[in-house]
Protein backbone atom coordinates (compact mmCIF):
# COMPACT_ATOMS: atom_id res chain seq x y z
CA MET A 1 -0.01 0.02 -0.01
CA LYS A 2 1.17 3.51 -0.74
CA THR A 3 1.68 5.55 2.40
CA SER A 4 2.23 8.93 0.82
CA SER A 5 -0.70 11.34 0.68
CA GLU A 6 0.76 13.00 -2.35
CA PRO A 7 -1.69 13.05 -5.25
CA LEU A 8 -0.99 10.59 -8.09
CA ARG A 9 0.37 12.54 -11.05
CA ILE A 10 -1.48 11.49 -14.21
CA ALA A 11 -1.79 12.44 -17.89
CA VAL A 12 -5.20 11.95 -19.53
CA LEU A 13 -5.47 11.13 -23.28
CA VAL A 14 -8.63 12.14 -25.14
CA SER A 15 -9.89 12.19 -28.69
CA GLY A 16 -13.51 13.36 -28.39
CA SER A 17 -15.97 14.76 -25.95
CA GLY A 18 -13.94 14.04 -22.84
CA THR A 19 -16.74 12.88 -20.57
CA ASN A 20 -14.43 10.46 -18.74
CA LEU A 21 -11.84 13.27 -18.34
CA GLN A 22 -14.70 15.33 -16.79
CA ALA A 23 -15.53 12.47 -14.40
CA LEU A 24 -11.97 12.45 -13.22
CA ILE A 25 -11.88 16.25 -12.85
CA ASP A 26 -15.12 16.19 -10.85
CA ALA A 27 -13.89 13.37 -8.62
CA ILE A 28 -10.69 15.22 -7.85
CA GLU A 29 -12.52 18.46 -7.14
CA ALA A 30 -14.95 16.64 -4.85
CA GLY A 31 -12.12 15.11 -2.86
CA HIS A 32 -12.95 11.54 -3.98
CA LEU A 33 -9.79 10.99 -6.02
CA ASN A 34 -6.29 11.67 -4.77
CA ALA A 35 -4.77 12.49 -8.10
CA ARG A 36 -3.62 15.52 -10.07
CA ILE A 37 -4.06 15.82 -13.80
CA GLU A 38 -0.80 17.30 -14.93
CA LEU A 39 -1.43 17.17 -18.63
CA VAL A 40 -4.32 16.46 -21.09
CA VAL A 41 -3.29 15.19 -24.51
CA ALA A 42 -5.76 15.41 -27.41
CA SER A 43 -5.34 13.59 -30.66
CA ASN A 44 -7.15 16.26 -32.64
CA PRO A 45 -7.82 19.99 -32.19
CA ASP A 46 -11.62 19.57 -32.39
CA ALA A 47 -11.84 17.36 -29.33
CA TYR A 48 -14.27 18.91 -26.78
CA GLY A 49 -12.08 17.42 -24.10
CA ILE A 50 -9.73 20.32 -24.79
CA GLU A 51 -12.39 22.82 -23.65
CA ARG A 52 -13.07 20.74 -20.56
CA ALA A 53 -9.35 20.79 -19.75
CA LYS A 54 -9.05 24.53 -20.25
CA LYS A 55 -12.12 25.21 -18.11
CA ALA A 56 -10.42 23.23 -15.33
CA GLY A 57 -7.19 25.15 -15.77
CA LEU A 58 -5.33 22.13 -17.00
CA GLU A 59 -2.35 22.16 -19.35
CA THR A 60 -2.97 20.62 -22.77
CA LEU A 61 -0.89 19.07 -25.55
CA VAL A 62 -2.86 19.02 -28.81
CA PHE A 63 -1.86 17.06 -31.90
CA GLN A 64 -3.11 17.57 -35.42
CA ARG A 65 -4.51 14.60 -37.39
CA GLU A 66 -1.63 14.80 -39.82
CA ASP A 67 0.83 14.35 -36.97
CA TYR A 68 -0.20 10.73 -36.77
CA ALA A 69 1.37 10.02 -40.15
CA GLU A 70 4.40 9.42 -37.93
CA PRO A 71 2.92 7.96 -34.74
CA GLU A 72 6.23 7.30 -33.05
CA LYS A 73 7.09 10.99 -33.28
CA VAL A 74 3.76 11.71 -31.56
CA ASP A 75 4.54 9.18 -28.84
CA GLN A 76 8.01 10.54 -28.29
CA ARG A 77 6.59 14.01 -27.80
CA MET A 78 4.24 12.58 -25.24
CA ILE A 79 7.07 10.76 -23.50
CA ASP A 80 9.07 13.94 -23.29
CA ALA A 81 6.11 15.83 -21.89
CA PHE A 82 5.28 13.11 -19.39
CA LYS A 83 8.83 13.06 -18.11
CA GLU A 84 8.80 16.82 -17.76
CA HIS A 85 5.64 16.53 -15.62
CA ASP A 86 6.83 13.49 -13.69
CA ILE A 87 3.80 11.50 -14.79
CA ALA A 88 3.18 8.22 -12.86
CA TYR A 89 0.30 6.83 -14.94
CA VAL A 90 -1.19 7.54 -18.36
CA ILE A 91 -4.99 7.37 -18.43
CA MET A 92 -6.59 6.80 -21.82
CA ALA A 93 -10.09 8.28 -21.78
CA GLY A 94 -11.54 7.81 -25.17
CA TYR A 95 -8.23 8.08 -26.96
CA MET A 96 -8.82 6.66 -30.41
CA ARG A 97 -5.22 6.16 -31.46
CA LYS A 98 -3.23 3.04 -30.89
CA VAL A 99 -0.09 3.86 -28.94
CA THR A 100 3.23 2.54 -30.27
CA PRO A 101 5.70 0.27 -28.50
CA LEU A 102 7.80 3.35 -27.90
CA LEU A 103 5.27 4.71 -25.37
CA LEU A 104 4.35 1.25 -24.06
CA ASN A 105 7.97 0.47 -23.25
CA ALA A 106 8.44 3.90 -21.57
CA TYR A 107 5.49 3.23 -19.23
CA PRO A 108 5.11 -0.53 -18.83
CA SER A 109 1.98 -1.37 -16.88
CA ARG A 110 1.40 2.33 -16.45
CA ILE A 111 -0.97 3.03 -19.36
CA VAL A 112 -4.63 2.39 -18.47
CA ASN A 113 -7.31 1.90 -21.11
CA LEU A 114 -11.07 1.60 -20.85
CA HIS A 115 -13.12 -0.67 -23.14
CA PRO A 116 -16.89 -0.61 -23.26
CA ALA A 117 -17.43 -4.40 -23.14
CA LEU A 118 -16.38 -7.35 -21.06
CA LEU A 119 -13.11 -8.38 -22.70
CA PRO A 120 -12.17 -10.74 -24.22
CA LYS A 121 -15.65 -10.40 -25.74
CA HIS A 122 -16.25 -7.69 -28.30
CA PRO A 123 -12.82 -6.05 -28.67
CA GLY A 124 -12.35 -3.12 -31.02
CA ALA A 125 -14.09 0.09 -31.65
CA HIS A 126 -17.73 -1.10 -31.59
CA GLY A 127 -17.95 -3.11 -28.40
CA ILE A 128 -21.33 -1.77 -27.24
CA GLN A 129 -23.00 -2.23 -30.63
CA GLU A 130 -21.61 -5.74 -31.03
CA ALA A 131 -22.80 -6.79 -27.54
CA PHE A 132 -26.26 -5.38 -28.30
CA GLU A 133 -26.53 -7.01 -31.71
CA ALA A 134 -25.27 -10.35 -30.34
CA GLY A 135 -28.18 -10.44 -27.94
CA ASP A 136 -25.95 -10.49 -24.83
CA LYS A 137 -27.91 -10.41 -21.61
CA VAL A 138 -24.99 -8.86 -19.77
CA THR A 139 -22.17 -6.60 -21.07
CA GLY A 140 -20.07 -4.04 -19.19
CA ILE A 141 -16.79 -2.23 -19.06
CA THR A 142 -13.19 -3.32 -18.72
CA PHE A 143 -10.25 -1.36 -17.32
CA HIS A 144 -6.93 -2.81 -18.42
CA PHE A 145 -3.30 -1.95 -18.95
CA ALA A 146 -2.48 -1.29 -22.58
CA ASN A 147 0.04 -3.52 -24.32
CA GLU A 148 0.98 -4.26 -27.95
CA GLU A 149 -2.09 -6.49 -28.49
CA TYR A 150 -5.12 -4.35 -29.04
CA ASP A 151 -7.60 -4.70 -26.16
CA GLN A 152 -5.70 -7.68 -24.74
CA GLY A 153 -3.69 -6.15 -21.96
CA PRO A 154 -3.84 -7.29 -18.29
CA ILE A 155 -7.30 -6.66 -16.88
CA ILE A 156 -7.51 -4.48 -13.78
CA VAL A 157 -11.26 -4.36 -13.11
CA GLN A 158 -14.44 -5.36 -14.98
CA LYS A 159 -17.94 -4.23 -14.11
CA GLU A 160 -21.09 -5.74 -15.49
CA VAL A 161 -23.93 -3.73 -17.02
CA PRO A 162 -27.14 -5.73 -17.72
CA VAL A 163 -28.77 -5.49 -21.10
CA LEU A 164 -32.45 -4.79 -20.29
CA PRO A 165 -35.31 -6.27 -22.33
CA ASN A 166 -36.46 -2.81 -23.43
CA ASP A 167 -32.98 -1.46 -24.19
CA THR A 168 -32.16 0.24 -27.43
CA LEU A 169 -28.60 0.71 -28.54
CA ASP A 170 -28.79 4.30 -27.36
CA THR A 171 -30.15 3.51 -23.86
CA LEU A 172 -27.54 0.73 -23.40
CA GLU A 173 -24.80 3.04 -24.59
CA ALA A 174 -25.92 5.71 -22.10
CA ARG A 175 -25.78 3.25 -19.16
CA ILE A 176 -22.38 1.95 -20.29
CA HIS A 177 -21.12 5.54 -20.24
CA ASP A 178 -22.67 6.12 -16.77
CA ALA A 179 -20.75 3.05 -15.50
CA GLU A 180 -17.53 4.39 -17.07
CA HIS A 181 -17.95 7.72 -15.34
CA ALA A 182 -18.70 6.10 -11.96
CA TYR A 183 -15.83 3.61 -12.03
CA TYR A 184 -12.91 5.31 -13.78
CA PRO A 185 -12.14 7.57 -10.78
CA LYS A 186 -12.30 4.50 -8.50
CA VAL A 187 -9.88 2.59 -10.67
CA VAL A 188 -7.45 5.56 -10.71
CA GLN A 189 -7.80 5.73 -6.89
CA LEU A 190 -6.70 2.08 -6.72
CA LEU A 191 -3.54 3.17 -8.51
CA ALA A 192 -3.13 6.17 -6.28
CA ASP A 193 -3.35 3.83 -3.21
CA GLY A 194 -0.77 1.50 -4.65
CA ARG A 195 -3.20 -1.42 -4.52
CA VAL A 196 -2.71 -2.66 -8.09
CA HIS A 197 0.13 -5.09 -8.90
CA VAL A 198 1.10 -6.84 -12.13
CA GLY A 199 2.87 -10.15 -11.77
CA GLU A 200 5.56 -11.56 -14.03
CA ASP A 201 2.87 -13.66 -15.68
CA GLY A 202 0.89 -10.49 -16.44
CA ALA A 203 -1.88 -11.22 -13.97
CA VAL A 204 -3.25 -8.31 -12.01
CA THR A 205 -3.84 -8.53 -8.29
CA ILE A 206 -5.60 -5.87 -6.13
CA ASP A 207 -4.87 -5.47 -2.44
CA GLN A 208 -7.95 -5.67 -0.23
CA GLY A 209 -10.27 -6.78 -2.94
CA ASP A 210 -12.23 -5.08 -5.73
CA ILE A 211 -14.06 -1.77 -5.85
CA GLU A 212 -17.77 -1.15 -5.37
């Protein structure tokens, strides 16, 4: 367990509306999350997450779409910025770019991703839709460490979301997002408390059990 009361220094990566970024900001401001967002990285200049970051007084690093023609250069710029800000964990919050081995190797088991399905089921960009169209009775969300295999990194926490008989794709998506916003701050708090450990076999263990 971590004994220091110092906030966990994190960078948050976004590509779109930034609702999970907002959930983290709100949890920090409410005193529910002992973390400090040192940097918000956006993969395009139109991401509304940039406005959320600015409103909260957070520093931003914004890439243009054409920058990703050379993704390793993007990741190297991120690495340099993360080192400058002494970042402990990188939190992907709707970041729609695959990070390269350059960044993964710089922050092994330190890059957290959120997937809107219960991995290994329904990996990829359309997890909610695929679960809905498959007729799953239960789906959910998965928090995992990113690695070189897309959506296959060590799982930290999974939370189920039932698919209700009267659900539409839109209502299911809304409840999935509600779960994301509720649990992402709790997962980051696990990291802040030093409760998450990755073994040599890649398995994740959490001190004192799961989160509610």
